Amino acid sequence: VAQPLIDMGLDSLMAGELRNLLKRQLGWDIPFQKIFGGASTAQIAYLVNEQITQQLLLEKITDYDNSDPEDICEDMEEITL
């Protein structure tokens, strides 16, 4: 999990395919350099998790245009934990 993907045989074509798969299937745009630049599976998972968190935060912000600020803070704490 901590070993860089390129050390496990990932080449530029596979890195591009992985990037395209993540973008096509999940809608997340992980930069090619992050994938091919020596990232491990754990690091890719972290990047995907960041994308998920950002997406959830944006959805919550959109949902809370006229909400009580305390409710927003409680929900943000749940998302970031």
N, C-alpha and C. Protein backbone atom coordinates (compact mmCIF):
# COMPACT_ATOMS: atom_id res chain seq x y z
N VAL A 1 0.83 -1.19 0.00
CA VAL A 1 0.00 0.00 0.00
C VAL A 1 0.87 1.26 0.00
N ALA A 2 2.00 1.21 0.68
CA ALA A 2 2.88 2.38 0.76
C ALA A 2 3.90 2.42 -0.37
N GLN A 3 4.02 1.34 -1.10
CA GLN A 3 4.99 1.27 -2.19
C GLN A 3 4.49 2.08 -3.39
N PRO A 4 5.35 2.90 -3.98
CA PRO A 4 4.92 3.66 -5.16
C PRO A 4 4.42 2.74 -6.28
N LEU A 5 3.38 3.17 -6.94
CA LEU A 5 2.81 2.37 -8.02
C LEU A 5 3.80 2.12 -9.14
N ILE A 6 4.68 3.08 -9.40
CA ILE A 6 5.66 2.87 -10.48
C ILE A 6 6.65 1.78 -10.11
N ASP A 7 6.90 1.58 -8.81
CA ASP A 7 7.77 0.49 -8.38
C ASP A 7 7.09 -0.87 -8.54
N MET A 8 5.77 -0.85 -8.66
CA MET A 8 5.02 -2.09 -8.84
C MET A 8 4.71 -2.33 -10.31
N GLY A 9 5.32 -1.53 -11.20
CA GLY A 9 5.17 -1.77 -12.63
C GLY A 9 4.24 -0.82 -13.36
N LEU A 10 3.72 0.19 -12.68
CA LEU A 10 2.84 1.15 -13.35
C LEU A 10 3.65 1.94 -14.37
N ASP A 11 3.16 1.96 -15.60
CA ASP A 11 3.81 2.78 -16.63
C ASP A 11 2.91 3.96 -16.96
N SER A 12 3.37 4.81 -17.86
CA SER A 12 2.62 6.04 -18.15
C SER A 12 1.25 5.74 -18.76
N LEU A 13 1.16 4.70 -19.57
CA LEU A 13 -0.12 4.34 -20.17
C LEU A 13 -1.11 3.89 -19.10
N MET A 14 -0.66 3.06 -18.19
CA MET A 14 -1.54 2.61 -17.10
C MET A 14 -1.93 3.77 -16.20
N ALA A 15 -1.00 4.69 -15.95
CA ALA A 15 -1.31 5.86 -15.12
C ALA A 15 -2.40 6.70 -15.79
N GLY A 16 -2.28 6.87 -17.09
CA GLY A 16 -3.31 7.61 -17.83
C GLY A 16 -4.65 6.91 -17.79
N GLU A 17 -4.63 5.60 -17.92
CA GLU A 17 -5.87 4.82 -17.85
C GLU A 17 -6.51 4.92 -16.47
N LEU A 18 -5.69 4.86 -15.42
CA LEU A 18 -6.20 4.99 -14.05
C LEU A 18 -6.83 6.37 -13.85
N ARG A 19 -6.12 7.39 -14.31
CA ARG A 19 -6.64 8.76 -14.18
C ARG A 19 -7.97 8.89 -14.91
N ASN A 20 -8.03 8.39 -16.14
CA ASN A 20 -9.26 8.48 -16.93
C ASN A 20 -10.40 7.69 -16.30
N LEU A 21 -10.08 6.54 -15.73
CA LEU A 21 -11.09 5.72 -15.06
C LEU A 21 -11.67 6.46 -13.86
N LEU A 22 -10.80 7.04 -13.05
CA LEU A 22 -11.28 7.80 -11.88
C LEU A 22 -12.15 8.97 -12.31
N LYS A 23 -11.74 9.63 -13.37
CA LYS A 23 -12.52 10.78 -13.85
C LYS A 23 -13.85 10.34 -14.45
N ARG A 24 -13.82 9.30 -15.26
CA ARG A 24 -15.03 8.84 -15.95
C ARG A 24 -16.02 8.19 -14.98
N GLN A 25 -15.53 7.32 -14.13
CA GLN A 25 -16.42 6.56 -13.25
C GLN A 25 -16.86 7.35 -12.01
N LEU A 26 -15.96 8.16 -11.48
CA LEU A 26 -16.24 8.84 -10.22
C LEU A 26 -16.35 10.36 -10.35
N GLY A 27 -15.89 10.88 -11.48
CA GLY A 27 -15.94 12.32 -11.67
C GLY A 27 -14.82 13.08 -10.98
N TRP A 28 -13.79 12.37 -10.54
CA TRP A 28 -12.70 13.01 -9.81
C TRP A 28 -11.48 13.13 -10.70
N ASP A 29 -10.94 14.33 -10.72
CA ASP A 29 -9.81 14.62 -11.58
C ASP A 29 -8.52 14.62 -10.77
N ILE A 30 -7.85 13.49 -10.75
CA ILE A 30 -6.57 13.37 -10.07
C ILE A 30 -5.49 13.68 -11.11
N PRO A 31 -4.64 14.67 -10.85
CA PRO A 31 -3.62 15.02 -11.84
C PRO A 31 -2.72 13.83 -12.20
N PHE A 32 -2.40 13.74 -13.48
CA PHE A 32 -1.55 12.67 -13.97
C PHE A 32 -0.23 12.61 -13.20
N GLN A 33 0.35 13.77 -12.94
CA GLN A 33 1.64 13.83 -12.24
C GLN A 33 1.55 13.23 -10.83
N LYS A 34 0.40 13.37 -10.20
CA LYS A 34 0.23 12.78 -8.86
C LYS A 34 0.26 11.26 -8.95
N ILE A 35 -0.36 10.72 -9.99
CA ILE A 35 -0.42 9.26 -10.14
C ILE A 35 0.92 8.71 -10.60
N PHE A 36 1.50 9.32 -11.62
CA PHE A 36 2.73 8.78 -12.20
C PHE A 36 3.98 9.30 -11.51
N GLY A 37 3.83 10.26 -10.64
CA GLY A 37 4.98 10.86 -9.98
C GLY A 37 5.46 10.12 -8.75
N GLY A 38 5.10 8.87 -8.61
CA GLY A 38 5.59 8.08 -7.49
C GLY A 38 4.59 7.89 -6.37
N ALA A 39 3.32 8.17 -6.63
CA ALA A 39 2.29 8.00 -5.60
C ALA A 39 2.05 6.53 -5.31
N SER A 40 1.72 6.26 -4.07
CA SER A 40 1.36 4.90 -3.67
C SER A 40 -0.16 4.74 -3.72
N THR A 41 -0.61 3.53 -3.52
CA THR A 41 -2.05 3.28 -3.46
C THR A 41 -2.68 4.10 -2.35
N ALA A 42 -2.00 4.17 -1.21
CA ALA A 42 -2.52 4.94 -0.08
C ALA A 42 -2.62 6.42 -0.43
N GLN A 43 -1.64 6.94 -1.15
CA GLN A 43 -1.67 8.35 -1.53
C GLN A 43 -2.79 8.63 -2.54
N ILE A 44 -3.00 7.73 -3.46
CA ILE A 44 -4.11 7.89 -4.41
C ILE A 44 -5.44 7.86 -3.65
N ALA A 45 -5.56 6.94 -2.70
CA ALA A 45 -6.78 6.87 -1.89
C ALA A 45 -6.98 8.17 -1.12
N TYR A 46 -5.91 8.74 -0.62
CA TYR A 46 -5.99 10.02 0.10
C TYR A 46 -6.49 11.12 -0.84
N LEU A 47 -5.95 11.16 -2.05
CA LEU A 47 -6.38 12.17 -3.02
C LEU A 47 -7.86 12.01 -3.37
N VAL A 48 -8.29 10.77 -3.54
CA VAL A 48 -9.71 10.51 -3.83
C VAL A 48 -10.56 10.95 -2.64
N ASN A 49 -10.08 10.65 -1.43
CA ASN A 49 -10.81 11.06 -0.23
C ASN A 49 -10.93 12.58 -0.15
N GLU A 50 -9.87 13.29 -0.52
CA GLU A 50 -9.93 14.76 -0.55
C GLU A 50 -11.01 15.24 -1.51
N GLN A 51 -11.08 14.60 -2.67
CA GLN A 51 -12.09 14.98 -3.66
C GLN A 51 -13.50 14.73 -3.11
N ILE A 52 -13.68 13.60 -2.45
CA ILE A 52 -14.99 13.29 -1.86
C ILE A 52 -15.36 14.33 -0.81
N THR A 53 -14.42 14.65 0.06
CA THR A 53 -14.67 15.62 1.12
C THR A 53 -15.02 16.98 0.53
N GLN A 54 -14.28 17.41 -0.47
CA GLN A 54 -14.58 18.70 -1.11
C GLN A 54 -15.97 18.69 -1.73
N GLN A 55 -16.31 17.59 -2.37
CA GLN A 55 -17.63 17.49 -2.99
C GLN A 55 -18.73 17.56 -1.93
N LEU A 56 -18.55 16.83 -0.84
CA LEU A 56 -19.55 16.86 0.24
C LEU A 56 -19.68 18.24 0.85
N LEU A 57 -18.55 18.90 1.06
CA LEU A 57 -18.59 20.25 1.61
C LEU A 57 -19.32 21.21 0.69
N LEU A 58 -19.05 21.12 -0.60
CA LEU A 58 -19.73 21.99 -1.56
C LEU A 58 -21.24 21.72 -1.57
N GLU A 59 -21.61 20.46 -1.48
CA GLU A 59 -23.03 20.12 -1.44
C GLU A 59 -23.68 20.68 -0.19
N LYS A 60 -22.99 20.57 0.94
CA LYS A 60 -23.54 21.10 2.19
C LYS A 60 -23.66 22.61 2.14
N ILE A 61 -22.65 23.27 1.61
CA ILE A 61 -22.70 24.73 1.51
C ILE A 61 -23.87 25.16 0.64
N THR A 62 -24.07 24.46 -0.45
CA THR A 62 -25.18 24.77 -1.34
C THR A 62 -26.52 24.55 -0.64
N ASP A 63 -26.60 23.48 0.15
CA ASP A 63 -27.84 23.16 0.87
C ASP A 63 -28.13 24.16 1.98
N TYR A 64 -27.12 24.82 2.50
CA TYR A 64 -27.28 25.66 3.68
C TYR A 64 -27.28 27.16 3.40
N ASP A 65 -27.71 27.55 2.26
CA ASP A 65 -27.71 28.98 1.95
C ASP A 65 -28.46 29.81 2.99
N ASN A 66 -29.57 29.29 3.50
CA ASN A 66 -30.38 30.04 4.46
C ASN A 66 -30.52 29.31 5.79
N SER A 67 -29.54 28.50 6.15
CA SER A 67 -29.64 27.69 7.36
C SER A 67 -29.00 28.37 8.55
N ASP A 68 -29.28 27.80 9.70
CA ASP A 68 -28.69 28.25 10.96
C ASP A 68 -27.20 27.90 10.96
N PRO A 69 -26.33 28.86 11.24
CA PRO A 69 -24.88 28.59 11.22
C PRO A 69 -24.45 27.46 12.15
N GLU A 70 -25.15 27.27 13.27
CA GLU A 70 -24.78 26.18 14.18
C GLU A 70 -25.02 24.82 13.53
N ASP A 71 -26.09 24.69 12.77
CA ASP A 71 -26.36 23.44 12.06
C ASP A 71 -25.26 23.15 11.04
N ILE A 72 -24.82 24.19 10.37
CA ILE A 72 -23.76 24.03 9.37
C ILE A 72 -22.48 23.55 10.04
N CYS A 73 -22.12 24.16 11.17
CA CYS A 73 -20.89 23.78 11.88
C CYS A 73 -20.95 22.32 12.34
N GLU A 74 -22.09 21.90 12.84
CA GLU A 74 -22.23 20.51 13.28
C GLU A 74 -22.03 19.54 12.12
N ASP A 75 -22.63 19.85 10.99
CA ASP A 75 -22.50 18.97 9.82
C ASP A 75 -21.07 18.97 9.30
N MET A 76 -20.40 20.10 9.31
CA MET A 76 -19.02 20.17 8.83
C MET A 76 -18.11 19.33 9.72
N GLU A 77 -18.37 19.35 11.03
CA GLU A 77 -17.57 18.53 11.94
C GLU A 77 -17.74 17.05 11.61
N GLU A 78 -18.96 16.64 11.30
CA GLU A 78 -19.21 15.24 10.95
C GLU A 78 -18.47 14.85 9.68
N ILE A 79 -18.46 15.72 8.70
CA ILE A 79 -17.81 15.42 7.43
C ILE A 79 -16.31 15.31 7.60
N THR A 80 -15.71 16.21 8.37
CA THR A 80 -14.26 16.24 8.48
C THR A 80 -13.71 15.24 9.48
N LEU A 81 -14.56 14.61 10.27
CA LEU A 81 -14.08 13.60 11.22
C LEU A 81 -13.85 12.32 10.55
